[in-house]
Each structure stands twice: as structure tokens, then as C-alpha cells.
PDB file of N, CA and C in Angstrom:
ATOM      1  N   GLN A   1      97.886 -21.854 -32.030  1.00  0.00           N
ATOM      2  CA  GLN A   1      97.468 -20.700 -31.248  1.00  0.00           C
ATOM      3  C   GLN A   1      96.550 -19.779 -32.077  1.00  0.00           C
ATOM      4  N   LEU A   2      96.884 -19.630 -33.331  1.00  0.00           N
ATOM      5  CA  LEU A   2      96.062 -18.814 -34.226  1.00  0.00           C
ATOM      6  C   LEU A   2      94.662 -19.411 -34.346  1.00  0.00           C
ATOM      7  N   GLU A   3      94.595 -20.720 -34.465  1.00  0.00           N
ATOM      8  CA  GLU A   3      93.288 -21.376 -34.553  1.00  0.00           C
ATOM      9  C   GLU A   3      92.479 -21.180 -33.270  1.00  0.00           C
ATOM     10  N   GLU A   4      93.156 -21.234 -32.119  1.00  0.00           N
ATOM     11  CA  GLU A   4      92.477 -21.005 -30.846  1.00  0.00           C
ATOM     12  C   GLU A   4      91.909 -19.595 -30.794  1.00  0.00           C
ATOM     13  N   ARG A   5      92.696 -18.643 -31.263  1.00  0.00           N
ATOM     14  CA  ARG A   5      92.223 -17.239 -31.267  1.00  0.00           C
ATOM     15  C   ARG A   5      91.038 -17.067 -32.214  1.00  0.00           C
ATOM     16  N   ARG A   6      91.132 -17.702 -33.367  1.00  0.00           N
ATOM     17  CA  ARG A   6      90.015 -17.621 -34.325  1.00  0.00           C
ATOM     18  C   ARG A   6      88.747 -18.231 -33.718  1.00  0.00           C
ATOM     19  N   GLY A   7      88.921 -19.371 -33.054  1.00  0.00           N
ATOM     20  CA  GLY A   7      87.776 -20.024 -32.415  1.00  0.00           C
ATOM     21  C   GLY A   7      87.174 -19.151 -31.328  1.00  0.00           C
ATOM     22  N   ALA A   8      88.039 -18.546 -30.515  1.00  0.00           N
ATOM     23  CA  ALA A   8      87.556 -17.660 -29.440  1.00  0.00           C
ATOM     24  C   ALA A   8      86.859 -16.439 -30.032  1.00  0.00           C
ATOM     25  N   ALA A   9      87.432 -15.891 -31.105  1.00  0.00           N
ATOM     26  CA  ALA A   9      86.817 -14.723 -31.753  1.00  0.00           C
ATOM     27  C   ALA A   9      85.457 -15.100 -32.334  1.00  0.00           C
ATOM     28  N   GLY A  10      85.365 -16.281 -32.908  1.00  0.00           N
ATOM     29  CA  GLY A  10      84.087 -16.746 -33.450  1.00  0.00           C
ATOM     30  C   GLY A  10      83.041 -16.917 -32.366  1.00  0.00           C
ATOM     31  N   GLN A  11      83.469 -17.456 -31.223  1.00  0.00           N
ATOM     32  CA  GLN A  11      82.540 -17.620 -30.105  1.00  0.00           C
ATOM     33  C   GLN A  11      82.070 -16.273 -29.578  1.00  0.00           C
ATOM     34  N   LEU A  12      82.999 -15.320 -29.487  1.00  0.00           N
ATOM     35  CA  LEU A  12      82.619 -13.975 -29.033  1.00  0.00           C
ATOM     36  C   LEU A  12      81.642 -13.324 -29.999  1.00  0.00           C
ATOM     37  N   GLN A  13      81.900 -13.505 -31.280  1.00  0.00           N
ATOM     38  CA  GLN A  13      80.997 -12.924 -32.274  1.00  0.00           C
ATOM     39  C   GLN A  13      79.606 -13.561 -32.176  1.00  0.00           C
ATOM     40  N   GLU A  14      79.560 -14.873 -32.011  1.00  0.00           N
ATOM     41  CA  GLU A  14      78.262 -15.545 -31.883  1.00  0.00           C
ATOM     42  C   GLU A  14      77.523 -15.072 -30.640  1.00  0.00           C
ATOM     43  N   ALA A  15      78.248 -14.899 -29.540  1.00  0.00           N
ATOM     44  CA  ALA A  15      77.613 -14.413 -28.305  1.00  0.00           C
ATOM     45  C   ALA A  15      77.084 -13.001 -28.502  1.00  0.00           C
ATOM     46  N   ALA A  16      77.866 -12.166 -29.183  1.00  0.00           N
ATOM     47  CA  ALA A  16      77.432 -10.786 -29.438  1.00  0.00           C
ATOM     48  C   ALA A  16      76.197 -10.776 -30.334  1.00  0.00           C
ATOM     49  N   GLU A  17      76.158 -11.649 -31.324  1.00  0.00           N
ATOM     50  CA  GLU A  17      74.993 -11.714 -32.219  1.00  0.00           C
ATOM     51  C   GLU A  17      73.749 -12.188 -31.469  1.00  0.00           C
ATOM     52  N   ARG A  18      73.930 -13.171 -30.567  1.00  0.00           N
ATOM     53  CA  ARG A  18      72.791 -13.623 -29.758  1.00  0.00           C
ATOM     54  C   ARG A  18      72.300 -12.493 -28.852  1.00  0.00           C
ATOM     55  N   GLN A  19      73.240 -11.775 -28.255  1.00  0.00           N
ATOM     56  CA  GLN A  19      72.864 -10.664 -27.367  1.00  0.00           C
ATOM     57  C   GLN A  19      72.136  -9.581 -28.164  1.00  0.00           C
ATOM     58  N   LEU A  20      72.621  -9.295 -29.369  1.00  0.00           N
ATOM     59  CA  LEU A  20      71.967  -8.305 -30.219  1.00  0.00           C
ATOM     60  C   LEU A  20      70.550  -8.751 -30.572  1.00  0.00           C
ATOM     61  N   ALA A  21      70.383 -10.027 -30.889  1.00  0.00           N
ATOM     62  CA  ALA A  21      69.042 -10.544 -31.203  1.00  0.00           C
ATOM     63  C   ALA A  21      68.132 -10.431 -29.988  1.00  0.00           C
ATOM     64  N   ASP A  22      68.670 -10.741 -28.804  1.00  0.00           N
ATOM     65  CA  ASP A  22      67.882 -10.612 -27.570  1.00  0.00           C
ATOM     66  C   ASP A  22      67.472  -9.166 -27.334  1.00  0.00           C
ATOM     67  N   LEU A  23      68.407  -8.231 -27.537  1.00  0.00           N
ATOM     68  CA  LEU A  23      68.107  -6.808 -27.346  1.00  0.00           C
ATOM     69  C   LEU A  23      67.046  -6.334 -28.342  1.00  0.00           C
ATOM     70  N   ARG A  24      67.176  -6.797 -29.555  1.00  0.00           N
ATOM     71  CA  ARG A  24      66.182  -6.406 -30.572  1.00  0.00           C
ATOM     72  C   ARG A  24      64.798  -6.940 -30.204  1.00  0.00           C
ATOM     73  N   ALA A  25      64.745  -8.175 -29.735  1.00  0.00           N
ATOM     74  CA  ALA A  25      63.458  -8.760 -29.332  1.00  0.00           C
ATOM     75  C   ALA A  25      62.874  -7.991 -28.150  1.00  0.00           C
ATOM     76  N   ALA A  26      63.714  -7.639 -27.186  1.00  0.00           N
ATOM     77  CA  ALA A  26      63.236  -6.865 -26.035  1.00  0.00           C
ATOM     78  C   ALA A  26      62.736  -5.500 -26.491  1.00  0.00           C
ATOM     79  N   HIS A  27      63.457  -4.900 -27.426  1.00  0.00           N
ATOM     80  CA  HIS A  27      63.063  -3.583 -27.949  1.00  0.00           C
ATOM     81  C   HIS A  27      61.704  -3.672 -28.644  1.00  0.00           C
ATOM     82  N   GLU A  28      61.492  -4.710 -29.423  1.00  0.00           N
ATOM     83  CA  GLU A  28      60.208  -4.893 -30.100  1.00  0.00           C
ATOM     84  C   GLU A  28      59.090  -5.090 -29.080  1.00  0.00           C
ATOM     85  N   GLY A  29      59.389  -5.826 -28.009  1.00  0.00           N
ATOM     86  CA  GLY A  29      58.399  -6.013 -26.952  1.00  0.00           C
ATOM     87  C   GLY A  29      58.033  -4.702 -26.294  1.00  0.00           C
ATOM     88  N   GLU A  30      59.049  -3.864 -26.052  1.00  0.00           N
ATOM     89  CA  GLU A  30      58.795  -2.550 -25.458  1.00  0.00           C
ATOM     90  C   GLU A  30      57.957  -1.690 -26.401  1.00  0.00           C
ATOM     91  N   LYS A  31      58.265  -1.752 -27.702  1.00  0.00           N
ATOM     92  CA  LYS A  31      57.481  -0.983 -28.667  1.00  0.00           C
ATOM     93  C   LYS A  31      56.024  -1.429 -28.678  1.00  0.00           C
ATOM     94  N   ALA A  32      55.800  -2.737 -28.587  1.00  0.00           N
ATOM     95  CA  ALA A  32      54.430  -3.248 -28.577  1.00  0.00           C
ATOM     96  C   ALA A  32      53.698  -2.782 -27.317  1.00  0.00           C
ATOM     97  N   ALA A  33      54.395  -2.800 -26.189  1.00  0.00           N
ATOM     98  CA  ALA A  33      53.779  -2.339 -24.938  1.00  0.00           C
ATOM     99  C   ALA A  33      53.441  -0.855 -25.025  1.00  0.00           C
ATOM    100  N   LEU A  34      54.329  -0.067 -25.608  1.00  0.00           N
ATOM    101  CA  LEU A  34      54.068   1.366 -25.770  1.00  0.00           C
ATOM    102  C   LEU A  34      52.888   1.601 -26.713  1.00  0.00           C
ATOM    103  N   ALA A  35      52.807   0.815 -27.764  1.00  0.00           N
ATOM    104  CA  ALA A  35      51.681   0.951 -28.691  1.00  0.00           C
ATOM    105  C   ALA A  35      50.366   0.640 -27.980  1.00  0.00           C
ATOM    106  N   ALA A  36      50.376  -0.350 -27.102  1.00  0.00           N
ATOM    107  CA  ALA A  36      49.171  -0.677 -26.340  1.00  0.00           C
ATOM    108  C   ALA A  36      48.806   0.473 -25.404  1.00  0.00           C
ATOM    109  N   GLN A  37      49.821   1.089 -24.791  1.00  0.00           N
ATOM    110  CA  GLN A  37      49.559   2.230 -23.911  1.00  0.00           C
ATOM    111  C   GLN A  37      48.972   3.399 -24.701  1.00  0.00           C
ATOM    112  N   VAL A  38      49.504   3.646 -25.893  1.00  0.00           N
ATOM    113  CA  VAL A  38      48.982   4.731 -26.734  1.00  0.00           C
ATOM    114  C   VAL A  38      47.526   4.444 -27.104  1.00  0.00           C
ATOM    115  N   ALA A  39      47.222   3.181 -27.409  1.00  0.00           N
ATOM    116  CA  ALA A  39      45.839   2.819 -27.744  1.00  0.00           C
ATOM    117  C   ALA A  39      44.920   3.051 -26.550  1.00  0.00           C
ATOM    118  N   GLU A  40      45.392   2.703 -25.355  1.00  0.00           N
ATOM    119  CA  GLU A  40      44.592   2.930 -24.144  1.00  0.00           C
ATOM    120  C   GLU A  40      44.373   4.419 -23.913  1.00  0.00           C
ATOM    121  N   LEU A  41      45.427   5.201 -24.091  1.00  0.00           N
ATOM    122  CA  LEU A  41      45.300   6.649 -23.911  1.00  0.00           C
ATOM    123  C   LEU A  41      44.344   7.254 -24.943  1.00  0.00           C
ATOM    124  N   THR A  42      44.426   6.765 -26.163  1.00  0.00           N
ATOM    125  CA  THR A  42      43.534   7.257 -27.215  1.00  0.00           C
ATOM    126  C   THR A  42      42.084   6.940 -26.873  1.00  0.00           C
ATOM    127  N   ALA A  43      41.844   5.738 -26.378  1.00  0.00           N
ATOM    128  CA  ALA A  43      40.486   5.359 -25.974  1.00  0.00           C
ATOM    129  C   ALA A  43      40.018   6.216 -24.806  1.00  0.00           C
ATOM    130  N   ALA A  44      40.928   6.500 -23.874  1.00  0.00           N
ATOM    131  CA  ALA A  44      40.569   7.337 -22.731  1.00  0.00           C
ATOM    132  C   ALA A  44      40.233   8.756 -23.187  1.00  0.00           C
ATOM    133  N   VAL A  45      40.999   9.271 -24.149  1.00  0.00           N
ATOM    134  CA  VAL A  45      40.715  10.603 -24.687  1.00  0.00           C
ATOM    135  C   VAL A  45      39.348  10.617 -25.361  1.00  0.00           C
ATOM    136  N   ALA A  46      39.053   9.585 -26.142  1.00  0.00           N
ATOM    137  CA  ALA A  46      37.753   9.517 -26.819  1.00  0.00           C
ATOM    138  C   ALA A  46      36.610   9.471 -25.804  1.00  0.00           C
ATOM    139  N   ALA A  47      36.796   8.697 -24.743  1.00  0.00           N
ATOM    140  CA  ALA A  47      35.760   8.608 -23.706  1.00  0.00           C
ATOM    141  C   ALA A  47      35.596   9.954 -22.999  1.00  0.00           C
ATOM    142  N   ALA A  48      36.718  10.621 -22.734  1.00  0.00           N
ATOM    143  CA  ALA A  48      36.656  11.933 -22.083  1.00  0.00           C
ATOM    144  C   ALA A  48      35.971  12.953 -22.991  1.00  0.00           C
ATOM    145  N   GLU A  49      36.263  12.870 -24.284  1.00  0.00           N
ATOM    146  CA  GLU A  49      35.606  13.780 -25.229  1.00  0.00           C
ATOM    147  C   GLU A  49      34.100  13.538 -25.281  1.00  0.00           C
ATOM    148  N   ALA A  50      33.705  12.278 -25.289  1.00  0.00           N
ATOM    149  CA  ALA A  50      32.273  11.951 -25.321  1.00  0.00           C
ATOM    150  C   ALA A  50      31.586  12.470 -24.062  1.00  0.00           C
ATOM    151  N   ALA A  51      32.218  12.281 -22.915  1.00  0.00           N
ATOM    152  CA  ALA A  51      31.652  12.781 -21.661  1.00  0.00           C
ATOM    153  C   ALA A  51      31.591  14.304 -21.674  1.00  0.00           C
ATOM    154  N   SER A  52      32.631  14.922 -22.210  1.00  0.00           N
ATOM    155  CA  SER A  52      32.671  16.381 -22.290  1.00  0.00           C
ATOM    156  C   SER A  52      31.563  16.895 -23.215  1.00  0.00           C
ATOM    157  N   ASP A  53      31.382  16.219 -24.336  1.00  0.00           N
ATOM    158  CA  ASP A  53      30.316  16.615 -25.268  1.00  0.00           C
ATOM    159  C   ASP A  53      28.938  16.488 -24.620  1.00  0.00           C
ATOM    160  N   LEU A  54      28.730  15.404 -23.901  1.00  0.00           N
ATOM    161  CA  LEU A  54      27.449  15.204 -23.227  1.00  0.00           C
ATOM    162  C   LEU A  54      27.229  16.283 -22.166  1.00  0.00           C
ATOM    163  N   ALA A  55      28.257  16.560 -21.395  1.00  0.00           N
ATOM    164  CA  ALA A  55      28.152  17.602 -20.364  1.00  0.00           C
ATOM    165  C   ALA A  55      27.901  18.960 -21.011  1.00  0.00           C
ATOM    166  N   GLU A  56      28.564  19.209 -22.127  1.00  0.00           N
ATOM    167  CA  GLU A  56      28.383  20.476 -22.838  1.00  0.00           C
ATOM    168  C   GLU A  56      26.943  20.621 -23.347  1.00  0.00           C
ATOM    169  N   LYS A  57      26.400  19.560 -23.912  1.00  0.00           N
ATOM    170  CA  LYS A  57      25.024  19.603 -24.414  1.00  0.00           C
ATOM    171  C   LYS A  57      24.020  19.791 -23.278  1.00  0.00           C
ATOM    172  N   THR A  58      24.262  19.121 -22.167  1.00  0.00           N
ATOM    173  CA  THR A  58      23.380  19.256 -21.008  1.00  0.00           C
ATOM    174  C   THR A  58      23.412  20.681 -20.480  1.00  0.00           C
ATOM    175  N   ALA A  59      24.615  21.233 -20.385  1.00  0.00           N
ATOM    176  CA  ALA A  59      24.763  22.605 -19.888  1.00  0.00           C
ATOM    177  C   ALA A  59      24.147  23.600 -20.857  1.00  0.00           C
ATOM    178  N   ALA A  60      24.306  23.354 -22.150  1.00  0.00           N
ATOM    179  CA  ALA A  60      23.767  24.275 -23.154  1.00  0.00           C
ATOM    180  C   ALA A  60      22.247  24.344 -23.077  1.00  0.00           C
ATOM    181  N   ALA A  61      21.633  23.247 -22.721  1.00  0.00           N
ATOM    182  CA  ALA A  61      20.177  23.233 -22.619  1.00  0.00           C
ATOM    183  C   ALA A  61      19.685  24.047 -21.430  1.00  0.00           C
ATOM    184  N   GLN A  62      20.587  24.330 -20.485  1.00  0.00           N
ATOM    185  CA  GLN A  62      20.190  25.007 -19.260  1.00  0.00           C
ATOM    186  C   GLN A  62      20.597  26.476 -19.194  1.00  0.00           C
ATOM    187  N   VAL A  63      21.416  26.923 -20.104  1.00  0.00           N
ATOM    188  CA  VAL A  63      21.917  28.304 -20.026  1.00  0.00           C
ATOM    189  C   VAL A  63      21.665  29.052 -21.325  1.00  0.00           C
ATOM    190  N   GLY A  64      21.843  30.350 -21.268  1.00  0.00           N
ATOM    191  CA  GLY A  64      21.648  31.190 -22.447  1.00  0.00           C
ATOM    192  C   GLY A  64      22.811  31.077 -23.425  1.00  0.00           C
ATOM    193  N   PRO A  65      22.674  31.728 -24.593  1.00  0.00           N
ATOM    194  CA  PRO A  65      23.698  31.648 -25.648  1.00  0.00           C
ATOM    195  C   PRO A  65      25.101  32.106 -25.197  1.00  0.00           C
ATOM    196  N   LEU A  66      25.180  33.153 -24.409  1.00  0.00           N
ATOM    197  CA  LEU A  66      26.488  33.629 -23.977  1.00  0.00           C
ATOM    198  C   LEU A  66      27.166  32.605 -23.067  1.00  0.00           C
ATOM    199  N   GLU A  67      26.406  32.078 -22.137  1.00  0.00           N
ATOM    200  CA  GLU A  67      26.952  31.055 -21.256  1.00  0.00           C
ATOM    201  C   GLU A  67      27.327  29.796 -22.049  1.00  0.00           C
ATOM    202  N   GLU A  68      26.511  29.487 -23.039  1.00  0.00           N
ATOM    203  CA  GLU A  68      26.795  28.329 -23.882  1.00  0.00           C
ATOM    204  C   GLU A  68      28.131  28.523 -24.600  1.00  0.00           C
ATOM    205  N   GLU A  69      28.376  29.712 -25.095  1.00  0.00           N
ATOM    206  CA  GLU A  69      29.642  29.999 -25.776  1.00  0.00           C
ATOM    207  C   GLU A  69      30.824  29.864 -24.811  1.00  0.00           C
ATOM    208  N   LYS A  70      30.655  30.364 -23.605  1.00  0.00           N
ATOM    209  CA  LYS A  70      31.724  30.253 -22.600  1.00  0.00           C
ATOM    210  C   LYS A  70      32.011  28.792 -22.290  1.00  0.00           C
ATOM    211  N   ARG A  71      30.962  28.018 -22.125  1.00  0.00           N
ATOM    212  CA  ARG A  71      31.143  26.591 -21.813  1.00  0.00           C
ATOM    213  C   ARG A  71      31.783  25.850 -22.994  1.00  0.00           C
ATOM    214  N   ALA A  72      31.376  26.186 -24.203  1.00  0.00           N
ATOM    215  CA  ALA A  72      31.962  25.543 -25.386  1.00  0.00           C
ATOM    216  C   ALA A  72      33.448  25.855 -25.476  1.00  0.00           C
ATOM    217  N   ARG A  73      33.787  27.099 -25.219  1.00  0.00           N
ATOM    218  CA  ARG A  73      35.205  27.495 -25.253  1.00  0.00           C
ATOM    219  C   ARG A  73      35.990  26.744 -24.170  1.00  0.00           C
ATOM    220  N   ALA A  74      35.437  26.666 -22.988  1.00  0.00           N
ATOM    221  CA  ALA A  74      36.105  25.943 -21.895  1.00  0.00           C
ATOM    222  C   ALA A  74      36.262  24.462 -22.240  1.00  0.00           C
ATOM    223  N   ALA A  75      35.228  23.897 -22.845  1.00  0.00           N
ATOM    224  CA  ALA A  75      35.299  22.480 -23.228  1.00  0.00           C
ATOM    225  C   ALA A  75      36.399  22.268 -24.268  1.00  0.00           C
ATOM    226  N   LEU A  76      36.485  23.169 -25.235  1.00  0.00           N
ATOM    227  CA  LEU A  76      37.533  23.053 -26.245  1.00  0.00           C
ATOM    228  C   LEU A  76      38.921  23.208 -25.626  1.00  0.00           C
ATOM    229  N   GLU A  77      39.047  24.126 -24.690  1.00  0.00           N
ATOM    230  CA  GLU A  77      40.328  24.303 -24.000  1.00  0.00           C
ATOM    231  C   GLU A  77      40.685  23.053 -23.203  1.00  0.00           C
ATOM    232  N   ASN A  78      39.697  22.448 -22.571  1.00  0.00           N
ATOM    233  CA  ASN A  78      39.940  21.206 -21.836  1.00  0.00           C
ATOM    234  C   ASN A  78      40.377  20.081 -22.767  1.00  0.00           C
ATOM    235  N   LYS A  79      39.706  19.990 -23.922  1.00  0.00           N
ATOM    236  CA  LYS A  79      40.085  18.967 -24.897  1.00  0.00           C
ATOM    237  C   LYS A  79      41.512  19.199 -25.383  1.00  0.00           C
ATOM    238  N   LEU A  80      41.834  20.451 -25.660  1.00  0.00           N
ATOM    239  CA  LEU A  80      43.177  20.778 -26.114  1.00  0.00           C
ATOM    240  C   LEU A  80      44.208  20.418 -25.051  1.00  0.00           C
ATOM    241  N   ALA A  81      43.911  20.739 -23.806  1.00  0.00           N
ATOM    242  CA  ALA A  81      44.836  20.409 -22.713  1.00  0.00           C
ATOM    243  C   ALA A  81      45.004  18.894 -22.599  1.00  0.00           C
ATOM    244  N   LEU A  82      43.917  18.164 -22.747  1.00  0.00           N
ATOM    245  CA  LEU A  82      43.983  16.708 -22.664  1.00  0.00           C
ATOM    246  C   LEU A  82      44.810  16.139 -23.807  1.00  0.00           C
ATOM    247  N   HIS A  83      44.544  16.612 -25.025  1.00  0.00           N
ATOM    248  CA  HIS A  83      45.332  16.154 -26.180  1.00  0.00           C
ATOM    249  C   HIS A  83      46.804  16.510 -26.008  1.00  0.00           C
ATOM    250  N   THR A  84      47.066  17.703 -25.526  1.00  0.00           N
ATOM    251  CA  THR A  84      48.453  18.134 -25.309  1.00  0.00           C
ATOM    252  C   THR A  84      49.143  17.236 -24.292  1.00  0.00           C
ATOM    253  N   ALA A  85      48.453  16.906 -23.230  1.00  0.00           N
ATOM    254  CA  ALA A  85      49.032  16.029 -22.209  1.00  0.00           C
ATOM    255  C   ALA A  85      49.341  14.649 -22.787  1.00  0.00           C
ATOM    256  N   VAL A  86      48.422  14.120 -23.592  1.00  0.00           N
ATOM    257  CA  VAL A  86      48.638  12.805 -24.208  1.00  0.00           C
ATOM    258  C   VAL A  86      49.834  12.863 -25.152  1.00  0.00           C
ATOM    259  N   LEU A  87      49.903  13.912 -25.966  1.00  0.00           N
ATOM    260  CA  LEU A  87      51.024  14.037 -26.893  1.00  0.00           C
ATOM    261  C   LEU A  87      52.347  14.195 -26.160  1.00  0.00           C
ATOM    262  N   GLU A  88      52.360  14.957 -25.094  1.00  0.00           N
ATOM    263  CA  GLU A  88      53.589  15.125 -24.311  1.00  0.00           C
ATOM    264  C   GLU A  88      54.025  13.792 -23.712  1.00  0.00           C
ATOM    265  N   GLU A  89      53.071  13.009 -23.249  1.00  0.00           N
ATOM    266  CA  GLU A  89      53.378  11.688 -22.696  1.00  0.00           C
ATOM    267  C   GLU A  89      53.965  10.794 -23.783  1.00  0.00           C
ATOM    268  N   GLU A  90      53.360  10.832 -24.965  1.00  0.00           N
ATOM    269  CA  GLU A  90      53.875  10.027 -26.071  1.00  0.00           C
ATOM    270  C   GLU A  90      55.276  10.486 -26.470  1.00  0.00           C
ATOM    271  N   ARG A  91      55.497  11.802 -26.535  1.00  0.00           N
ATOM    272  CA  ARG A  91      56.827  12.322 -26.867  1.00  0.00           C
ATOM    273  C   ARG A  91      57.862  11.875 -25.840  1.00  0.00           C
ATOM    274  N   ALA A  92      57.504  11.966 -24.578  1.00  0.00           N
ATOM    275  CA  ALA A  92      58.441  11.554 -23.525  1.00  0.00           C
ATOM    276  C   ALA A  92      58.751  10.063 -23.632  1.00  0.00           C
ATOM    277  N   THR A  93      57.735   9.275 -23.900  1.00  0.00           N
ATOM    278  CA  THR A  93      57.928   7.833 -24.033  1.00  0.00           C
ATOM    279  C   THR A  93      58.813   7.519 -25.231  1.00  0.00           C
ATOM    280  N   MET A  94      58.572   8.185 -26.344  1.00  0.00           N
ATOM    281  CA  MET A  94      59.373   7.960 -27.539  1.00  0.00           C
ATOM    282  C   MET A  94      60.822   8.408 -27.311  1.00  0.00           C
ATOM    283  N   ALA A  95      61.011   9.517 -26.617  1.00  0.00           N
ATOM    284  CA  ALA A  95      62.364   9.990 -26.328  1.00  0.00           C
ATOM    285  C   ALA A  95      63.085   8.987 -25.443  1.00  0.00           C
ATOM    286  N   GLU A  96      62.387   8.444 -24.464  1.00  0.00           N
ATOM    287  CA  GLU A  96      62.990   7.442 -23.581  1.00  0.00           C
ATOM    288  C   GLU A  96      63.335   6.188 -24.379  1.00  0.00           C
ATOM    289  N   GLU A  97      62.442   5.779 -25.254  1.00  0.00           N
ATOM    290  CA  GLU A  97      62.688   4.608 -26.082  1.00  0.00           C
ATOM    291  C   GLU A  97      63.905   4.837 -26.983  1.00  0.00           C
ATOM    292  N   ARG A  98      63.988   6.018 -27.586  1.00  0.00           N
ATOM    293  CA  ARG A  98      65.118   6.362 -28.446  1.00  0.00           C
ATOM    294  C   ARG A  98      66.417   6.352 -27.637  1.00  0.00           C
ATOM    295  N   HIS A  99      66.368   6.893 -26.421  1.00  0.00           N
ATOM    296  CA  HIS A  99      67.554   6.928 -25.561  1.00  0.00           C
ATOM    297  C   HIS A  99      68.009   5.506 -25.232  1.00  0.00           C
ATOM    298  N   LEU A 100      67.058   4.635 -24.885  1.00  0.00           N
ATOM    299  CA  LEU A 100      67.396   3.246 -24.575  1.00  0.00           C
ATOM    300  C   LEU A 100      67.994   2.544 -25.788  1.00  0.00           C
ATOM    301  N   HIS A 101      67.401   2.767 -26.945  1.00  0.00           N
ATOM    302  CA  HIS A 101      67.884   2.133 -28.167  1.00  0.00           C
ATOM    303  C   HIS A 101      69.288   2.633 -28.493  1.00  0.00           C
ATOM    304  N   ASP A 102      69.526   3.935 -28.368  1.00  0.00           N
ATOM    305  CA  ASP A 102      70.859   4.495 -28.625  1.00  0.00           C
ATOM    306  C   ASP A 102      71.875   3.922 -27.649  1.00  0.00           C
ATOM    307  N   GLY A 103      71.482   3.750 -26.400  1.00  0.00           N
ATOM    308  CA  GLY A 103      72.370   3.162 -25.406  1.00  0.00           C
ATOM    309  C   GLY A 103      72.711   1.725 -25.743  1.00  0.00           C
ATOM    310  N   GLU A 104      71.726   0.976 -26.237  1.00  0.00           N
ATOM    311  CA  GLU A 104      71.974  -0.407 -26.632  1.00  0.00           C
ATOM    312  C   GLU A 104      72.969  -0.457 -27.794  1.00  0.00           C
ATOM    313  N   LEU A 105      72.795   0.428 -28.760  1.00  0.00           N
ATOM    314  CA  LEU A 105      73.702   0.457 -29.895  1.00  0.00           C
ATOM    315  C   LEU A 105      75.111   0.829 -29.458  1.00  0.00           C
ATOM    316  N   THR A 106      75.217   1.789 -28.542  1.00  0.00           N
ATOM    317  CA  THR A 106      76.529   2.189 -28.040  1.00  0.00           C
ATOM    318  C   THR A 106      77.194   1.017 -27.334  1.00  0.00           C
ATOM    319  N   ASN A 107      76.430   0.302 -26.518  1.00  0.00           N
ATOM    320  CA  ASN A 107      76.971  -0.861 -25.816  1.00  0.00           C
ATOM    321  C   ASN A 107      77.423  -1.942 -26.799  1.00  0.00           C
ATOM    322  N   GLN A 108      76.649  -2.144 -27.839  1.00  0.00           N
ATOM    323  CA  GLN A 108      76.996  -3.164 -28.831  1.00  0.00           C
ATOM    324  C   GLN A 108      78.278  -2.776 -29.551  1.00  0.00           C
ATOM    325  N   LYS A 109      78.428  -1.503 -29.889  1.00  0.00           N
ATOM    326  CA  LYS A 109      79.636  -1.057 -30.573  1.00  0.00           C
ATOM    327  C   LYS A 109      80.849  -1.189 -29.658  1.00  0.00           C
ATOM    328  N   ALA A 110      80.653  -0.943 -28.371  1.00  0.00           N
ATOM    329  CA  ALA A 110      81.757  -1.031 -27.425  1.00  0.00           C
ATOM    330  C   ALA A 110      82.236  -2.477 -27.292  1.00  0.00           C
ATOM    331  N   GLU A 111      81.315  -3.417 -27.430  1.00  0.00           N
ATOM    332  CA  GLU A 111      81.692  -4.840 -27.306  1.00  0.00           C
ATOM    333  C   GLU A 111      82.445  -5.247 -28.539  1.00  0.00           C
TER     334      GLU A 111
END
């Protein structure tokens, strides 16, 4: 009977280790997907900045110095808002990832 229990315990441990490996692989996949999303967002920010710079230069050629200063300030505020939005999205994603990872660890400990 002791040998049967040892065998069953060994099988449970092996199953738990396989499940842990699967969870780790899934977690790595999620991290890679998030990294790709961050890269896409970064590229989108760069494209938006380039468009904003072009629009700013075009507008500056058409208005006086005071208007140019107002437009430059607005452009900088827009860039800041865009960067802030991207960072908030990244923070939320990282918090969600951390929450999922903590939940996985809790589940593993419970098993």
C-alpha cells in the first residue's frame, strides 16, 4: 500500500510539473505577444510624432511667431498625452500580466 501511495504521489508530482511547464510556456507566449504590441504602439507613436512634426512645420510657415508658439505648445501637449496613454496601456497590461502570473503561482501552490 505504501508503494502504491508513493507511485500515486510521484504521478501527481509529474503531472504538476508538466502543468507548471505548460503554464510557464503560455506565460512566455503572452510576454512575447505583449512585447510585439508594445513595439507596434511605439511605431505608432513615432509615426504620429512625425506627422505632428510635419503638421507643425507646415502651420509654422503660415502663421506668425505667436501662433507658432501656441501650435508648438499644443503639439507638445498632444505628444505628451499620446505618450501618457501608451504608458498607461503598458502599465495596465503589465499589471494584468502580473495578476495572471500571481494567480498561476497561487493555483500551483494550492495543488
